[in-house]
Amino acid sequence: MSPEKKRAMINRDHPQLSISQQCKLVRLSRSAFYYTPVGIDADTLAMMKEIDRVFTKYPFFGSRQIAAYLRREGVVTGRHRVRRLMAKMGLEAIYKRPRTSQPHPQHPIFPYLLRKRQIDHPNQVWCADITFVPVKNGFLYLVAIMDSCDSGFSC
């Protein structure tokens, strides 16, 4: 049930139950009962209109580029404010995202062999992972091979 519906259930002039008791009964905090939403002030609304204008012209701009563009036009604002307002308006920069997790259509899908298997002793199941660690002159590969009995499965 939404807080608005819970608020509507509470009667301020109830003869036997206080507001605090009624809030407990409908499981609504007293602060949520007394809270009145604050609207958006005129400055923030004007900033949102500017962000929308720039985003409509350049939909591939992110919060940094929009903040820089507005600064060049004389509107002083920080990029974190632009990012927050863009999120509030549901705006997200359009750009080509990497397709790193797309399987090849001809690649076979292998079954998960450990689904119903009980792991109860060491050297029964092993797992491995590989990653890279950035260093000053490039990167190093880090390979980890672990016994699943020691890796969190119950033994």
C-alpha atoms as a PDB file:
ATOM      1  CA  MET A   1       0.000   0.000   0.000  1.00  0.00           C
ATOM      2  CA  SER A   2       1.330   3.424  -0.908  1.00  0.00           C
ATOM      3  CA  PRO A   3       2.119   6.081   1.728  1.00  0.00           C
ATOM      4  CA  GLU A   4      -0.600   8.325   0.241  1.00  0.00           C
ATOM      5  CA  LYS A   5      -3.254   5.665   0.881  1.00  0.00           C
ATOM      6  CA  LYS A   6      -1.922   5.099   4.396  1.00  0.00           C
ATOM      7  CA  ARG A   7      -2.001   8.861   5.046  1.00  0.00           C
ATOM      8  CA  ALA A   8      -5.642   8.959   3.894  1.00  0.00           C
ATOM      9  CA  MET A   9      -6.564   6.233   6.397  1.00  0.00           C
ATOM     10  CA  ILE A  10      -5.418   8.304   9.378  1.00  0.00           C
ATOM     11  CA  ASN A  11      -8.073  10.462  11.043  1.00  0.00           C
ATOM     12  CA  ARG A  12      -6.690  13.507  12.854  1.00  0.00           C
ATOM     13  CA  ASP A  13      -9.829  13.839  15.021  1.00  0.00           C
ATOM     14  CA  HIS A  14     -10.185  10.214  16.094  1.00  0.00           C
ATOM     15  CA  PRO A  15     -11.631  10.095  19.653  1.00  0.00           C
ATOM     16  CA  GLN A  16      -9.685   7.078  20.965  1.00  0.00           C
ATOM     17  CA  LEU A  17      -6.540   6.691  18.837  1.00  0.00           C
ATOM     18  CA  SER A  18      -3.801   9.268  18.668  1.00  0.00           C
ATOM     19  CA  ILE A  19      -2.039  10.018  15.385  1.00  0.00           C
ATOM     20  CA  SER A  20       1.024   8.164  16.657  1.00  0.00           C
ATOM     21  CA  GLN A  21      -1.015   5.019  17.384  1.00  0.00           C
ATOM     22  CA  GLN A  22      -2.767   5.212  14.016  1.00  0.00           C
ATOM     23  CA  CYS A  23       0.594   5.537  12.260  1.00  0.00           C
ATOM     24  CA  LYS A  24       1.807   2.402  14.034  1.00  0.00           C
ATOM     25  CA  LEU A  25      -1.330   0.506  13.021  1.00  0.00           C
ATOM     26  CA  VAL A  26      -0.942   1.330   9.318  1.00  0.00           C
ATOM     27  CA  ARG A  27       2.861   0.998   9.533  1.00  0.00           C
ATOM     28  CA  LEU A  28       3.632   4.554   8.520  1.00  0.00           C
ATOM     29  CA  SER A  29       6.269   6.660  10.251  1.00  0.00           C
ATOM     30  CA  ARG A  30       5.022   9.871  11.823  1.00  0.00           C
ATOM     31  CA  SER A  31       7.504  11.882   9.771  1.00  0.00           C
ATOM     32  CA  ALA A  32       5.996  10.390   6.594  1.00  0.00           C
ATOM     33  CA  PHE A  33       2.535  11.382   7.840  1.00  0.00           C
ATOM     34  CA  TYR A  34       3.509  15.006   8.469  1.00  0.00           C
ATOM     35  CA  TYR A  35       5.751  15.355   5.391  1.00  0.00           C
ATOM     36  CA  THR A  36       4.604  17.740   2.683  1.00  0.00           C
ATOM     37  CA  PRO A  37       6.501  17.471  -0.619  1.00  0.00           C
ATOM     38  CA  VAL A  38       8.597  20.455  -1.634  1.00  0.00           C
ATOM     39  CA  GLY A  39       8.269  21.575  -5.223  1.00  0.00           C
ATOM     40  CA  ILE A  40      11.062  22.514  -7.600  1.00  0.00           C
ATOM     41  CA  ASP A  41      12.179  26.132  -7.294  1.00  0.00           C
ATOM     42  CA  ALA A  42      12.304  28.480 -10.285  1.00  0.00           C
ATOM     43  CA  ASP A  43      16.126  28.434 -10.595  1.00  0.00           C
ATOM     44  CA  THR A  44      16.250  24.636 -10.765  1.00  0.00           C
ATOM     45  CA  LEU A  45      13.376  24.590 -13.257  1.00  0.00           C
ATOM     46  CA  ALA A  46      15.199  27.122 -15.444  1.00  0.00           C
ATOM     47  CA  MET A  47      18.377  25.010 -15.238  1.00  0.00           C
ATOM     48  CA  MET A  48      16.409  21.905 -16.241  1.00  0.00           C
ATOM     49  CA  LYS A  49      15.032  23.770 -19.268  1.00  0.00           C
ATOM     50  CA  GLU A  50      18.571  24.783 -20.274  1.00  0.00           C
ATOM     51  CA  ILE A  51      19.828  21.217 -19.878  1.00  0.00           C
ATOM     52  CA  ASP A  52      16.903  19.951 -21.944  1.00  0.00           C
ATOM     53  CA  ARG A  53      17.603  22.527 -24.662  1.00  0.00           C
ATOM     54  CA  VAL A  54      21.282  21.534 -24.879  1.00  0.00           C
ATOM     55  CA  PHE A  55      20.493  17.804 -24.686  1.00  0.00           C
ATOM     56  CA  THR A  56      17.935  18.120 -27.484  1.00  0.00           C
ATOM     57  CA  LYS A  57      20.565  19.782 -29.659  1.00  0.00           C
ATOM     58  CA  TYR A  58      23.385  17.399 -28.668  1.00  0.00           C
ATOM     59  CA  PRO A  59      21.910  14.072 -27.406  1.00  0.00           C
ATOM     60  CA  PHE A  60      25.372  12.508 -27.214  1.00  0.00           C
ATOM     61  CA  PHE A  61      26.559  15.016 -24.571  1.00  0.00           C
ATOM     62  CA  GLY A  62      26.989  13.721 -21.027  1.00  0.00           C
ATOM     63  CA  SER A  63      26.882  15.771 -17.843  1.00  0.00           C
ATOM     64  CA  ARG A  64      30.475  17.032 -18.239  1.00  0.00           C
ATOM     65  CA  GLN A  65      29.957  18.274 -21.770  1.00  0.00           C
ATOM     66  CA  ILE A  66      26.602  19.876 -20.962  1.00  0.00           C
ATOM     67  CA  ALA A  67      28.104  21.668 -17.952  1.00  0.00           C
ATOM     68  CA  ALA A  68      31.008  22.906 -20.094  1.00  0.00           C
ATOM     69  CA  TYR A  69      28.625  24.004 -22.869  1.00  0.00           C
ATOM     70  CA  LEU A  70      26.465  25.928 -20.380  1.00  0.00           C
ATOM     71  CA  ARG A  71      29.564  27.529 -18.855  1.00  0.00           C
ATOM     72  CA  ARG A  72      30.617  28.779 -22.310  1.00  0.00           C
ATOM     73  CA  GLU A  73      27.152  30.329 -22.684  1.00  0.00           C
ATOM     74  CA  GLY A  74      27.507  32.111 -19.336  1.00  0.00           C
ATOM     75  CA  VAL A  75      25.392  29.760 -17.191  1.00  0.00           C
ATOM     76  CA  VAL A  76      27.523  28.795 -14.192  1.00  0.00           C
ATOM     77  CA  THR A  77      26.753  25.329 -12.844  1.00  0.00           C
ATOM     78  CA  GLY A  78      28.640  22.275 -11.679  1.00  0.00           C
ATOM     79  CA  ARG A  79      28.646  18.976 -13.489  1.00  0.00           C
ATOM     80  CA  HIS A  80      27.307  17.089 -10.466  1.00  0.00           C
ATOM     81  CA  ARG A  81      24.222  19.297 -10.449  1.00  0.00           C
ATOM     82  CA  VAL A  82      23.809  18.713 -14.183  1.00  0.00           C
ATOM     83  CA  ARG A  83      24.202  14.962 -13.628  1.00  0.00           C
ATOM     84  CA  ARG A  84      21.603  14.965 -10.830  1.00  0.00           C
ATOM     85  CA  LEU A  85      19.109  16.969 -12.890  1.00  0.00           C
ATOM     86  CA  MET A  86      19.711  14.802 -15.975  1.00  0.00           C
ATOM     87  CA  ALA A  87      18.954  11.709 -13.881  1.00  0.00           C
ATOM     88  CA  LYS A  88      15.818  13.368 -12.511  1.00  0.00           C
ATOM     89  CA  MET A  89      14.659  14.155 -16.052  1.00  0.00           C
ATOM     90  CA  GLY A  90      15.579  10.669 -17.296  1.00  0.00           C
ATOM     91  CA  LEU A  91      18.193  11.926 -19.758  1.00  0.00           C
ATOM     92  CA  GLU A  92      21.146   9.726 -20.672  1.00  0.00           C
ATOM     93  CA  ALA A  93      23.776  10.383 -23.315  1.00  0.00           C
ATOM     94  CA  ILE A  94      23.420   8.367 -26.498  1.00  0.00           C
ATOM     95  CA  TYR A  95      26.664   6.645 -27.411  1.00  0.00           C
ATOM     96  CA  LYS A  96      27.828   3.315 -28.739  1.00  0.00           C
ATOM     97  CA  ARG A  97      28.289   0.966 -25.820  1.00  0.00           C
ATOM     98  CA  PRO A  98      30.745  -1.925 -25.923  1.00  0.00           C
ATOM     99  CA  ARG A  99      29.223  -5.276 -26.785  1.00  0.00           C
ATOM    100  CA  THR A 100      31.523  -7.333 -24.591  1.00  0.00           C
ATOM    101  CA  SER A 101      28.976  -9.875 -23.363  1.00  0.00           C
ATOM    102  CA  GLN A 102      27.391 -10.837 -26.663  1.00  0.00           C
ATOM    103  CA  PRO A 103      27.894 -14.557 -27.366  1.00  0.00           C
ATOM    104  CA  HIS A 104      28.556 -15.714 -30.902  1.00  0.00           C
ATOM    105  CA  PRO A 105      25.338 -17.179 -32.352  1.00  0.00           C
ATOM    106  CA  GLN A 106      27.100 -20.432 -33.342  1.00  0.00           C
ATOM    107  CA  HIS A 107      28.740 -20.893 -29.929  1.00  0.00           C
ATOM    108  CA  PRO A 108      27.181 -23.832 -28.049  1.00  0.00           C
ATOM    109  CA  ILE A 109      25.608 -23.239 -24.634  1.00  0.00           C
ATOM    110  CA  PHE A 110      27.051 -25.741 -22.178  1.00  0.00           C
ATOM    111  CA  PRO A 111      24.995 -27.092 -19.258  1.00  0.00           C
ATOM    112  CA  TYR A 112      25.850 -26.142 -15.675  1.00  0.00           C
ATOM    113  CA  LEU A 113      27.256 -29.391 -14.311  1.00  0.00           C
ATOM    114  CA  LEU A 114      27.286 -28.413 -10.621  1.00  0.00           C
ATOM    115  CA  ARG A 115      23.575 -27.572 -10.328  1.00  0.00           C
ATOM    116  CA  LYS A 116      22.504 -30.661  -8.331  1.00  0.00           C
ATOM    117  CA  ARG A 117      25.932 -31.831  -7.233  1.00  0.00           C
ATOM    118  CA  GLN A 118      26.731 -32.005  -3.510  1.00  0.00           C
ATOM    119  CA  ILE A 119      30.235 -30.639  -2.797  1.00  0.00           C
ATOM    120  CA  ASP A 120      31.333 -32.324   0.408  1.00  0.00           C
ATOM    121  CA  HIS A 121      35.093 -32.876   0.288  1.00  0.00           C
ATOM    122  CA  PRO A 122      38.268 -31.147  -0.983  1.00  0.00           C
ATOM    123  CA  ASN A 123      39.633 -31.769  -4.506  1.00  0.00           C
ATOM    124  CA  GLN A 124      36.142 -32.492  -5.791  1.00  0.00           C
ATOM    125  CA  VAL A 125      35.494 -29.239  -7.700  1.00  0.00           C
ATOM    126  CA  TRP A 126      38.021 -26.643  -8.832  1.00  0.00           C
ATOM    127  CA  CYS A 127      37.397 -23.204 -10.349  1.00  0.00           C
ATOM    128  CA  ALA A 128      39.617 -20.666 -12.088  1.00  0.00           C
ATOM    129  CA  ASP A 129      39.486 -17.005 -12.996  1.00  0.00           C
ATOM    130  CA  ILE A 130      41.735 -14.650 -14.929  1.00  0.00           C
ATOM    131  CA  THR A 131      42.037 -10.869 -14.801  1.00  0.00           C
ATOM    132  CA  PHE A 132      44.647  -8.234 -15.441  1.00  0.00           C
ATOM    133  CA  VAL A 133      46.345  -5.876 -13.022  1.00  0.00           C
ATOM    134  CA  PRO A 134      47.472  -2.489 -14.365  1.00  0.00           C
ATOM    135  CA  VAL A 135      51.111  -1.645 -13.628  1.00  0.00           C
ATOM    136  CA  LYS A 136      53.361   1.263 -14.610  1.00  0.00           C
ATOM    137  CA  ASN A 137      54.413  -0.042 -18.033  1.00  0.00           C
ATOM    138  CA  GLY A 138      51.254  -1.956 -19.033  1.00  0.00           C
ATOM    139  CA  PHE A 139      49.512  -4.766 -17.218  1.00  0.00           C
ATOM    140  CA  LEU A 140      50.035  -8.224 -15.772  1.00  0.00           C
ATOM    141  CA  TYR A 141      47.711 -11.203 -15.955  1.00  0.00           C
ATOM    142  CA  LEU A 142      46.567 -12.659 -12.647  1.00  0.00           C
ATOM    143  CA  VAL A 143      45.313 -16.230 -12.724  1.00  0.00           C
ATOM    144  CA  ALA A 144      43.609 -17.753  -9.677  1.00  0.00           C
ATOM    145  CA  ILE A 145      42.889 -21.471  -9.378  1.00  0.00           C
ATOM    146  CA  MET A 146      40.845 -22.391  -6.318  1.00  0.00           C
ATOM    147  CA  ASP A 147      39.434 -25.475  -4.680  1.00  0.00           C
ATOM    148  CA  SER A 148      35.667 -24.853  -4.412  1.00  0.00           C
ATOM    149  CA  CYS A 149      35.573 -26.546  -1.034  1.00  0.00           C
ATOM    150  CA  ASP A 150      37.734 -23.718   0.328  1.00  0.00           C
ATOM    151  CA  SER A 151      35.929 -21.021  -1.709  1.00  0.00           C
ATOM    152  CA  GLY A 152      32.681 -20.740   0.183  1.00  0.00           C
ATOM    153  CA  PHE A 153      30.883 -23.963  -0.752  1.00  0.00           C
ATOM    154  CA  SER A 154      29.993 -26.082   2.256  1.00  0.00           C
ATOM    155  CA  CYS A 155      32.304 -29.048   2.831  1.00  0.00           C
END
